[in-house]
Amino acid sequence: MGQLHVIFGDVAEVRKGKDNLLPKAMKKLNRFILKHYSDDQGLVAFEVDEYLVVAKKYALRGIIVSAHTNAVLQAKELGKDLLMYIGEWDKFYAFHPQDIIDNGTRNTRGKSVFLNFDIKLGRESDV
């Protein structure tokens, strides 16, 4: 499982995937970015004041979402909730990292390992 790397600099420089929703989520959130986190595949998360922010295009079957395992572990280590932007719904959901760890299932995609979990573990957030 690849480690997350802290990146400093312009978001546009670290964005690798054409479908990465994180820059859109951060524009909507309008918070100061403390750190960028990436793995070998590209941008994974942003750290802001009280959250570690991730983004997904949609929830599978309307209920299942996934997050990079290292992002969930980093949120837990930081003592912050994981805030997920879901592009299809244009909404944010907040999750306690331990709930994801306790209830998620592993899903490996290439070199990256994700945790799949029910969106009901979290709560819609007005951030």
N, C-alpha and C. Protein backbone atom coordinates (compact mmCIF):
# COMPACT_ATOMS: atom_id res chain seq x y z
N MET A 1 0.86 -1.17 0.00
CA MET A 1 0.00 0.00 0.00
C MET A 1 0.90 1.23 0.00
N GLY A 2 0.70 2.14 -0.96
CA GLY A 2 1.52 3.33 -1.08
C GLY A 2 1.24 4.33 0.03
N GLN A 3 2.27 5.05 0.40
CA GLN A 3 2.14 6.07 1.42
C GLN A 3 1.62 7.37 0.83
N LEU A 4 0.99 8.19 1.65
CA LEU A 4 0.58 9.52 1.20
C LEU A 4 1.77 10.46 1.35
N HIS A 5 1.89 11.38 0.44
CA HIS A 5 2.96 12.37 0.46
C HIS A 5 2.34 13.74 0.65
N VAL A 6 2.98 14.56 1.47
CA VAL A 6 2.52 15.94 1.64
C VAL A 6 3.13 16.76 0.51
N ILE A 7 2.29 17.56 -0.14
CA ILE A 7 2.74 18.38 -1.26
C ILE A 7 2.42 19.83 -0.95
N PHE A 8 3.36 20.69 -1.22
CA PHE A 8 3.14 22.12 -1.07
C PHE A 8 3.18 22.74 -2.46
N GLY A 9 2.38 23.74 -2.70
CA GLY A 9 2.37 24.39 -4.00
C GLY A 9 0.97 24.50 -4.55
N ASP A 10 0.90 24.92 -5.79
CA ASP A 10 -0.38 25.17 -6.45
C ASP A 10 -1.14 23.87 -6.70
N VAL A 11 -2.43 23.87 -6.40
CA VAL A 11 -3.28 22.70 -6.62
C VAL A 11 -3.22 22.25 -8.07
N ALA A 12 -3.20 23.18 -9.00
CA ALA A 12 -3.19 22.83 -10.43
C ALA A 12 -1.94 22.01 -10.78
N GLU A 13 -0.84 22.23 -10.08
CA GLU A 13 0.39 21.51 -10.36
C GLU A 13 0.33 20.07 -9.87
N VAL A 14 -0.41 19.79 -8.80
CA VAL A 14 -0.44 18.44 -8.25
C VAL A 14 -1.61 17.62 -8.76
N ARG A 15 -2.56 18.25 -9.41
CA ARG A 15 -3.73 17.54 -9.93
C ARG A 15 -3.31 16.71 -11.13
N LYS A 16 -3.51 15.39 -11.06
CA LYS A 16 -3.11 14.52 -12.15
C LYS A 16 -4.29 13.99 -12.94
N GLY A 17 -5.35 13.55 -12.29
CA GLY A 17 -6.47 12.93 -12.99
C GLY A 17 -7.42 13.97 -13.56
N LYS A 18 -7.88 13.77 -14.79
CA LYS A 18 -8.80 14.72 -15.41
C LYS A 18 -10.15 14.75 -14.70
N ASP A 19 -10.47 13.68 -13.97
CA ASP A 19 -11.76 13.61 -13.28
C ASP A 19 -11.66 13.92 -11.79
N ASN A 20 -10.53 14.43 -11.34
CA ASN A 20 -10.36 14.70 -9.92
C ASN A 20 -11.26 15.85 -9.49
N LEU A 21 -12.17 15.56 -8.55
CA LEU A 21 -13.14 16.55 -8.08
C LEU A 21 -12.63 17.39 -6.92
N LEU A 22 -11.46 17.07 -6.39
CA LEU A 22 -10.98 17.80 -5.21
C LEU A 22 -10.86 19.31 -5.44
N PRO A 23 -10.28 19.78 -6.55
CA PRO A 23 -10.22 21.24 -6.72
C PRO A 23 -11.61 21.89 -6.73
N LYS A 24 -12.60 21.24 -7.34
CA LYS A 24 -13.97 21.77 -7.34
C LYS A 24 -14.53 21.78 -5.91
N ALA A 25 -14.30 20.71 -5.18
CA ALA A 25 -14.78 20.63 -3.79
C ALA A 25 -14.17 21.73 -2.95
N MET A 26 -12.87 21.97 -3.13
CA MET A 26 -12.21 22.99 -2.32
C MET A 26 -12.69 24.39 -2.68
N LYS A 27 -12.99 24.63 -3.94
CA LYS A 27 -13.53 25.93 -4.34
C LYS A 27 -14.88 26.15 -3.68
N LYS A 28 -15.71 25.12 -3.67
CA LYS A 28 -17.03 25.20 -3.05
C LYS A 28 -16.91 25.36 -1.52
N LEU A 29 -15.98 24.64 -0.92
CA LEU A 29 -15.78 24.69 0.53
C LEU A 29 -15.23 26.04 0.98
N ASN A 30 -14.36 26.62 0.16
CA ASN A 30 -13.79 27.93 0.43
C ASN A 30 -13.08 28.01 1.79
N ARG A 31 -12.18 27.07 2.02
CA ARG A 31 -11.38 27.06 3.26
C ARG A 31 -9.91 27.14 2.91
N PHE A 32 -9.12 27.63 3.84
CA PHE A 32 -7.67 27.69 3.66
C PHE A 32 -7.10 26.27 3.70
N ILE A 33 -6.32 25.92 2.72
CA ILE A 33 -5.72 24.58 2.64
C ILE A 33 -4.42 24.57 3.43
N LEU A 34 -4.35 23.67 4.42
CA LEU A 34 -3.13 23.53 5.22
C LEU A 34 -2.10 22.65 4.52
N LYS A 35 -2.58 21.53 3.93
CA LYS A 35 -1.67 20.60 3.25
C LYS A 35 -2.42 19.89 2.14
N HIS A 36 -1.67 19.41 1.14
CA HIS A 36 -2.18 18.54 0.08
C HIS A 36 -1.58 17.17 0.33
N TYR A 37 -2.35 16.11 0.12
CA TYR A 37 -1.84 14.75 0.24
C TYR A 37 -2.02 14.05 -1.10
N SER A 38 -1.00 13.30 -1.52
CA SER A 38 -1.11 12.55 -2.77
C SER A 38 -0.46 11.18 -2.59
N ASP A 39 -0.76 10.28 -3.53
CA ASP A 39 -0.05 9.02 -3.62
C ASP A 39 0.55 8.96 -5.02
N ASP A 40 1.02 7.82 -5.44
CA ASP A 40 1.65 7.70 -6.76
C ASP A 40 0.68 7.95 -7.91
N GLN A 41 -0.61 7.87 -7.65
CA GLN A 41 -1.62 8.06 -8.69
C GLN A 41 -2.09 9.51 -8.79
N GLY A 42 -1.75 10.35 -7.84
CA GLY A 42 -2.15 11.75 -7.89
C GLY A 42 -2.73 12.24 -6.58
N LEU A 43 -3.44 13.34 -6.65
CA LEU A 43 -4.00 14.02 -5.49
C LEU A 43 -5.05 13.17 -4.79
N VAL A 44 -4.96 13.05 -3.47
CA VAL A 44 -5.86 12.21 -2.68
C VAL A 44 -6.74 13.03 -1.74
N ALA A 45 -6.16 14.03 -1.05
CA ALA A 45 -6.91 14.75 -0.02
C ALA A 45 -6.28 16.11 0.26
N PHE A 46 -7.11 16.98 0.83
CA PHE A 46 -6.64 18.27 1.35
C PHE A 46 -6.94 18.32 2.83
N GLU A 47 -6.02 18.89 3.59
CA GLU A 47 -6.27 19.13 5.01
C GLU A 47 -6.67 20.59 5.17
N VAL A 48 -7.81 20.79 5.84
CA VAL A 48 -8.27 22.13 6.20
C VAL A 48 -8.44 22.17 7.71
N ASP A 49 -8.94 23.28 8.24
CA ASP A 49 -9.00 23.47 9.68
C ASP A 49 -9.49 22.25 10.46
N GLU A 50 -10.73 21.81 10.28
CA GLU A 50 -11.22 20.69 11.08
C GLU A 50 -11.47 19.40 10.31
N TYR A 51 -11.07 19.35 9.04
CA TYR A 51 -11.36 18.18 8.21
C TYR A 51 -10.17 17.76 7.36
N LEU A 52 -10.22 16.51 6.94
CA LEU A 52 -9.41 16.03 5.82
C LEU A 52 -10.43 15.81 4.71
N VAL A 53 -10.27 16.51 3.59
CA VAL A 53 -11.27 16.54 2.53
C VAL A 53 -10.91 15.59 1.39
N VAL A 54 -11.87 14.76 0.99
CA VAL A 54 -11.74 13.87 -0.15
C VAL A 54 -12.96 14.09 -1.05
N ALA A 55 -12.94 13.51 -2.26
CA ALA A 55 -14.07 13.70 -3.17
C ALA A 55 -14.32 12.44 -3.98
N LYS A 56 -15.58 12.21 -4.30
CA LYS A 56 -16.01 11.09 -5.14
C LYS A 56 -17.00 11.61 -6.17
N LYS A 57 -17.06 10.95 -7.32
CA LYS A 57 -18.03 11.35 -8.36
C LYS A 57 -19.44 11.02 -7.93
N TYR A 58 -19.63 9.83 -7.34
CA TYR A 58 -20.98 9.35 -7.01
C TYR A 58 -20.89 8.28 -5.93
N ALA A 59 -22.06 7.94 -5.38
CA ALA A 59 -22.17 6.83 -4.43
C ALA A 59 -22.69 5.62 -5.22
N LEU A 60 -22.00 4.51 -5.16
CA LEU A 60 -22.39 3.30 -5.86
C LEU A 60 -23.73 2.81 -5.33
N ARG A 61 -24.68 2.56 -6.21
CA ARG A 61 -26.03 2.16 -5.85
C ARG A 61 -26.67 3.15 -4.86
N GLY A 62 -26.16 4.38 -4.87
CA GLY A 62 -26.72 5.42 -4.03
C GLY A 62 -26.38 5.32 -2.56
N ILE A 63 -25.56 4.32 -2.17
CA ILE A 63 -25.27 4.17 -0.73
C ILE A 63 -23.81 3.86 -0.41
N ILE A 64 -23.03 3.35 -1.36
CA ILE A 64 -21.66 2.94 -1.07
C ILE A 64 -20.67 3.96 -1.62
N VAL A 65 -19.77 4.43 -0.76
CA VAL A 65 -18.70 5.34 -1.16
C VAL A 65 -17.37 4.71 -0.76
N SER A 66 -16.28 5.29 -1.24
CA SER A 66 -14.97 4.77 -0.86
C SER A 66 -14.01 5.92 -0.64
N ALA A 67 -13.01 5.66 0.17
CA ALA A 67 -11.96 6.64 0.43
C ALA A 67 -10.63 5.90 0.49
N HIS A 68 -9.58 6.57 0.06
CA HIS A 68 -8.24 6.02 0.13
C HIS A 68 -7.95 5.64 1.59
N THR A 69 -7.49 4.42 1.80
CA THR A 69 -7.24 3.94 3.17
C THR A 69 -6.31 4.87 3.92
N ASN A 70 -5.26 5.33 3.26
CA ASN A 70 -4.31 6.20 3.95
C ASN A 70 -4.92 7.56 4.30
N ALA A 71 -5.89 8.02 3.52
CA ALA A 71 -6.57 9.27 3.87
C ALA A 71 -7.40 9.08 5.15
N VAL A 72 -8.06 7.94 5.25
CA VAL A 72 -8.85 7.65 6.46
C VAL A 72 -7.93 7.56 7.67
N LEU A 73 -6.81 6.86 7.52
CA LEU A 73 -5.86 6.73 8.62
C LEU A 73 -5.23 8.07 8.98
N GLN A 74 -4.95 8.90 7.98
CA GLN A 74 -4.39 10.23 8.24
C GLN A 74 -5.40 11.10 8.99
N ALA A 75 -6.67 11.04 8.62
CA ALA A 75 -7.71 11.80 9.33
C ALA A 75 -7.77 11.36 10.79
N LYS A 76 -7.71 10.05 11.02
CA LYS A 76 -7.73 9.54 12.39
C LYS A 76 -6.53 10.05 13.17
N GLU A 77 -5.35 9.98 12.56
CA GLU A 77 -4.13 10.44 13.23
C GLU A 77 -4.19 11.93 13.56
N LEU A 78 -4.81 12.71 12.68
CA LEU A 78 -4.94 14.15 12.90
C LEU A 78 -6.06 14.49 13.88
N GLY A 79 -6.93 13.51 14.18
CA GLY A 79 -8.07 13.77 15.06
C GLY A 79 -9.14 14.61 14.37
N LYS A 80 -9.25 14.44 13.03
CA LYS A 80 -10.21 15.21 12.26
C LYS A 80 -11.21 14.28 11.59
N ASP A 81 -12.41 14.80 11.33
CA ASP A 81 -13.38 14.06 10.53
C ASP A 81 -12.93 14.04 9.08
N LEU A 82 -13.35 13.02 8.35
CA LEU A 82 -13.15 12.94 6.91
C LEU A 82 -14.37 13.60 6.28
N LEU A 83 -14.15 14.62 5.47
CA LEU A 83 -15.23 15.31 4.79
C LEU A 83 -15.19 14.91 3.32
N MET A 84 -16.28 14.31 2.85
CA MET A 84 -16.33 13.82 1.47
C MET A 84 -17.31 14.65 0.65
N TYR A 85 -16.79 15.14 -0.48
CA TYR A 85 -17.66 15.83 -1.45
C TYR A 85 -18.11 14.79 -2.47
N ILE A 86 -19.42 14.71 -2.71
CA ILE A 86 -19.96 13.79 -3.71
C ILE A 86 -20.48 14.65 -4.86
N GLY A 87 -19.74 14.59 -5.98
CA GLY A 87 -20.02 15.45 -7.13
C GLY A 87 -21.40 15.30 -7.72
N GLU A 88 -21.88 14.06 -7.83
CA GLU A 88 -23.20 13.81 -8.42
C GLU A 88 -24.31 14.56 -7.68
N TRP A 89 -24.17 14.66 -6.37
CA TRP A 89 -25.18 15.31 -5.54
C TRP A 89 -24.81 16.75 -5.17
N ASP A 90 -23.55 17.12 -5.44
CA ASP A 90 -23.04 18.44 -5.07
C ASP A 90 -23.24 18.71 -3.58
N LYS A 91 -22.89 17.69 -2.77
CA LYS A 91 -23.05 17.78 -1.30
C LYS A 91 -21.81 17.25 -0.59
N PHE A 92 -21.66 17.69 0.66
CA PHE A 92 -20.60 17.21 1.53
C PHE A 92 -21.18 16.29 2.60
N TYR A 93 -20.42 15.26 2.98
CA TYR A 93 -20.77 14.36 4.06
C TYR A 93 -19.56 14.22 4.99
N ALA A 94 -19.81 14.26 6.30
CA ALA A 94 -18.74 14.13 7.29
C ALA A 94 -18.79 12.74 7.93
N PHE A 95 -17.61 12.15 8.11
CA PHE A 95 -17.48 10.81 8.68
C PHE A 95 -16.43 10.80 9.77
N HIS A 96 -16.66 10.02 10.82
CA HIS A 96 -15.63 9.77 11.82
C HIS A 96 -14.74 8.66 11.27
N PRO A 97 -13.44 8.88 11.19
CA PRO A 97 -12.54 7.88 10.60
C PRO A 97 -12.65 6.50 11.25
N GLN A 98 -12.83 6.44 12.57
CA GLN A 98 -12.90 5.15 13.23
C GLN A 98 -14.12 4.35 12.77
N ASP A 99 -15.23 5.03 12.49
CA ASP A 99 -16.42 4.33 11.97
C ASP A 99 -16.12 3.68 10.62
N ILE A 100 -15.36 4.38 9.78
CA ILE A 100 -14.99 3.83 8.48
C ILE A 100 -14.07 2.63 8.66
N ILE A 101 -13.10 2.75 9.54
CA ILE A 101 -12.15 1.66 9.79
C ILE A 101 -12.88 0.43 10.32
N ASP A 102 -13.82 0.65 11.24
CA ASP A 102 -14.55 -0.47 11.85
C ASP A 102 -15.54 -1.14 10.91
N ASN A 103 -16.10 -0.38 9.96
CA ASN A 103 -17.18 -0.91 9.13
C ASN A 103 -16.87 -1.01 7.64
N GLY A 104 -15.73 -0.50 7.21
CA GLY A 104 -15.39 -0.51 5.80
C GLY A 104 -14.82 -1.85 5.34
N THR A 105 -14.85 -2.06 4.03
CA THR A 105 -14.24 -3.25 3.43
C THR A 105 -13.16 -2.79 2.46
N ARG A 106 -12.06 -3.53 2.43
CA ARG A 106 -10.92 -3.19 1.55
C ARG A 106 -11.25 -3.40 0.09
N ASN A 107 -10.72 -2.51 -0.73
CA ASN A 107 -10.89 -2.58 -2.17
C ASN A 107 -9.59 -2.09 -2.80
N THR A 108 -8.88 -2.98 -3.48
CA THR A 108 -7.60 -2.62 -4.09
C THR A 108 -7.82 -2.25 -5.55
N ARG A 109 -7.31 -1.08 -5.93
CA ARG A 109 -7.35 -0.63 -7.33
C ARG A 109 -5.93 -0.25 -7.73
N GLY A 110 -5.31 -1.11 -8.53
CA GLY A 110 -3.91 -0.88 -8.89
C GLY A 110 -3.05 -0.97 -7.65
N LYS A 111 -2.26 0.08 -7.39
CA LYS A 111 -1.40 0.11 -6.21
C LYS A 111 -2.09 0.74 -5.01
N SER A 112 -3.27 1.31 -5.22
CA SER A 112 -3.97 2.01 -4.14
C SER A 112 -4.99 1.11 -3.46
N VAL A 113 -5.10 1.27 -2.14
CA VAL A 113 -6.07 0.50 -1.36
C VAL A 113 -7.10 1.48 -0.80
N PHE A 114 -8.36 1.15 -1.03
CA PHE A 114 -9.48 1.98 -0.58
C PHE A 114 -10.31 1.22 0.44
N LEU A 115 -11.11 1.96 1.19
CA LEU A 115 -12.12 1.37 2.06
C LEU A 115 -13.49 1.74 1.51
N ASN A 116 -14.31 0.74 1.22
CA ASN A 116 -15.69 0.96 0.81
C ASN A 116 -16.55 0.96 2.07
N PHE A 117 -17.55 1.87 2.11
CA PHE A 117 -18.40 1.94 3.30
C PHE A 117 -19.73 2.58 2.95
N ASP A 118 -20.70 2.36 3.81
CA ASP A 118 -22.05 2.87 3.64
C ASP A 118 -22.08 4.36 3.97
N ILE A 119 -22.72 5.13 3.12
CA ILE A 119 -22.79 6.58 3.33
C ILE A 119 -23.55 6.91 4.63
N LYS A 120 -24.37 5.97 5.09
CA LYS A 120 -25.13 6.18 6.34
C LYS A 120 -24.23 6.25 7.57
N LEU A 121 -22.96 5.88 7.42
CA LEU A 121 -22.01 6.04 8.54
C LEU A 121 -21.75 7.51 8.83
N GLY A 122 -22.01 8.36 7.84
CA GLY A 122 -21.74 9.78 8.00
C GLY A 122 -23.01 10.59 8.11
N ARG A 123 -22.83 11.89 8.02
CA ARG A 123 -23.95 12.81 8.09
C ARG A 123 -23.74 13.90 7.05
N GLU A 124 -24.84 14.34 6.44
CA GLU A 124 -24.73 15.45 5.49
C GLU A 124 -24.25 16.67 6.23
N SER A 125 -23.36 17.43 5.60
CA SER A 125 -22.78 18.59 6.25
C SER A 125 -23.03 19.85 5.44
N ASP A 126 -23.34 20.94 6.14
CA ASP A 126 -23.57 22.22 5.50
C ASP A 126 -22.30 23.03 5.36
N VAL A 127 -21.20 22.53 5.87
CA VAL A 127 -19.94 23.26 5.92
C VAL A 127 -20.04 24.52 5.13
